[in-house]
């Protein structure tokens, strides 16, 4: 159990049309399998989240996008991650990336 880890992530947005931020500083606290934190998101805003880690599958709620609160789902293995992505236009894609602990 560790609280307050710091990360930097780099991401690629596949199948999306927007102009997205690809670098994401990230602070996180893990308490058993629960987590909460903040990061600089793909839409150039601060996001805050809370969720639960199911052996690499992270599920929760996140702020900082075009809606007040949206569902969050991400699969992480070692330093790689993948997450579904969607645009308000209805366009769907994937966000893939790497995340390193500082």
Protein backbone atom coordinates (compact mmCIF):
# COMPACT_ATOMS: atom_id res chain seq x y z
CA UNK A 1 0.00 0.00 0.00
CA UNK A 2 1.44 3.35 -1.02
CA UNK A 3 -0.08 6.77 -0.98
CA UNK A 4 0.91 9.64 -3.25
CA UNK A 5 2.89 8.36 -6.16
CA UNK A 6 3.84 10.64 -9.03
CA UNK A 7 3.81 9.59 -12.70
CA UNK A 8 4.28 10.93 -16.20
CA UNK A 9 2.32 9.35 -19.05
CA UNK A 10 2.55 9.68 -22.83
CA UNK A 11 -0.49 8.71 -24.88
CA UNK A 12 -1.64 8.22 -28.45
CA UNK A 13 -5.30 8.73 -29.44
CA UNK A 14 -6.39 6.29 -32.13
CA UNK A 15 -9.53 6.78 -34.22
CA UNK A 16 -10.29 10.25 -32.86
CA UNK A 17 -10.52 13.56 -34.72
CA UNK A 18 -9.62 16.12 -32.04
CA UNK A 19 -6.29 17.73 -31.23
CA UNK A 20 -5.32 16.05 -27.94
CA UNK A 21 -2.66 16.55 -25.32
CA UNK A 22 -0.25 13.60 -25.26
CA UNK A 23 1.68 14.25 -22.00
CA UNK A 24 -0.01 13.67 -18.66
CA UNK A 25 1.57 14.45 -15.28
CA UNK A 26 -0.28 12.38 -12.69
CA UNK A 27 -0.45 12.20 -8.87
CA UNK A 28 -2.18 9.19 -7.31
CA UNK A 29 -2.94 7.63 -3.96
CA UNK A 30 -3.57 3.88 -3.66
CA UNK A 31 -5.29 2.56 -0.54
CA UNK A 32 -5.56 -1.22 -0.88
CA UNK A 33 -7.46 -1.66 -4.17
CA UNK A 34 -9.06 1.82 -4.08
CA UNK A 35 -7.40 4.79 -5.77
CA UNK A 36 -7.84 8.51 -6.23
CA UNK A 37 -5.78 11.15 -7.94
CA UNK A 38 -5.41 13.98 -10.41
CA UNK A 39 -3.86 14.28 -13.85
CA UNK A 40 -3.57 16.69 -16.74
CA UNK A 41 -5.94 15.13 -19.26
CA UNK A 42 -6.07 14.86 -23.05
CA UNK A 43 -8.34 17.91 -23.29
CA UNK A 44 -5.77 20.19 -21.61
CA UNK A 45 -7.64 20.25 -18.28
CA UNK A 46 -7.13 18.90 -14.77
CA UNK A 47 -9.06 15.69 -14.05
CA UNK A 48 -9.77 14.25 -10.61
CA UNK A 49 -10.79 10.61 -10.24
CA UNK A 50 -11.74 7.91 -7.79
CA UNK A 51 -11.94 4.23 -8.55
CA UNK A 52 -11.03 0.66 -7.82
CA UNK A 53 -8.28 -1.51 -9.27
CA UNK A 54 -9.27 -5.07 -10.20
CA UNK A 55 -5.83 -6.60 -10.94
CA UNK A 56 -4.93 -4.01 -13.59
CA UNK A 57 -8.48 -3.13 -14.69
CA UNK A 58 -9.17 0.31 -13.23
CA UNK A 59 -12.83 1.37 -13.04
CA UNK A 60 -14.17 4.60 -11.57
CA UNK A 61 -15.43 8.12 -12.13
CA UNK A 62 -13.48 11.10 -13.47
CA UNK A 63 -14.03 14.86 -13.83
CA UNK A 64 -12.50 17.43 -16.17
CA UNK A 65 -13.99 16.47 -19.51
CA UNK A 66 -16.91 18.00 -21.43
CA UNK A 67 -19.40 16.52 -18.94
CA UNK A 68 -19.12 17.06 -15.17
CA UNK A 69 -18.47 13.40 -14.32
CA UNK A 70 -17.85 10.51 -16.72
CA UNK A 71 -17.10 6.82 -16.25
CA UNK A 72 -13.45 5.80 -16.33
CA UNK A 73 -12.08 2.45 -17.42
CA UNK A 74 -8.45 1.65 -18.12
CA UNK A 75 -6.41 -1.54 -18.33
CA UNK A 76 -2.81 -1.26 -17.17
CA UNK A 77 -0.07 -3.88 -17.45
CA UNK A 78 3.41 -2.94 -16.22
CA UNK A 79 3.86 0.57 -17.66
CA UNK A 80 1.48 0.13 -20.65
CA UNK A 81 -2.18 1.18 -20.60
CA UNK A 82 -5.19 1.18 -22.91
CA UNK A 83 -8.56 2.90 -22.45
CA UNK A 84 -11.65 3.41 -24.59
CA UNK A 85 -12.10 6.97 -25.84
CA UNK A 86 -15.08 8.84 -27.22
CA UNK A 87 -15.85 12.27 -28.55
CA UNK A 88 -19.14 14.14 -28.07
CA UNK A 89 -19.65 13.83 -31.84
CA UNK A 90 -20.13 10.08 -31.27
CA UNK A 91 -16.71 9.16 -32.62
CA UNK A 92 -15.09 6.27 -30.70
CA UNK A 93 -11.46 5.20 -30.45
CA UNK A 94 -8.69 4.08 -28.12
CA UNK A 95 -6.13 5.82 -25.98
CA UNK A 96 -2.93 3.81 -25.60
CA UNK A 97 0.17 4.83 -23.79
CA UNK A 98 2.96 4.36 -21.32
CA UNK A 99 3.10 5.61 -17.74
CA UNK A 100 6.26 5.82 -15.65
CA UNK A 101 6.47 6.35 -11.92
CA UNK A 102 8.77 9.23 -10.94
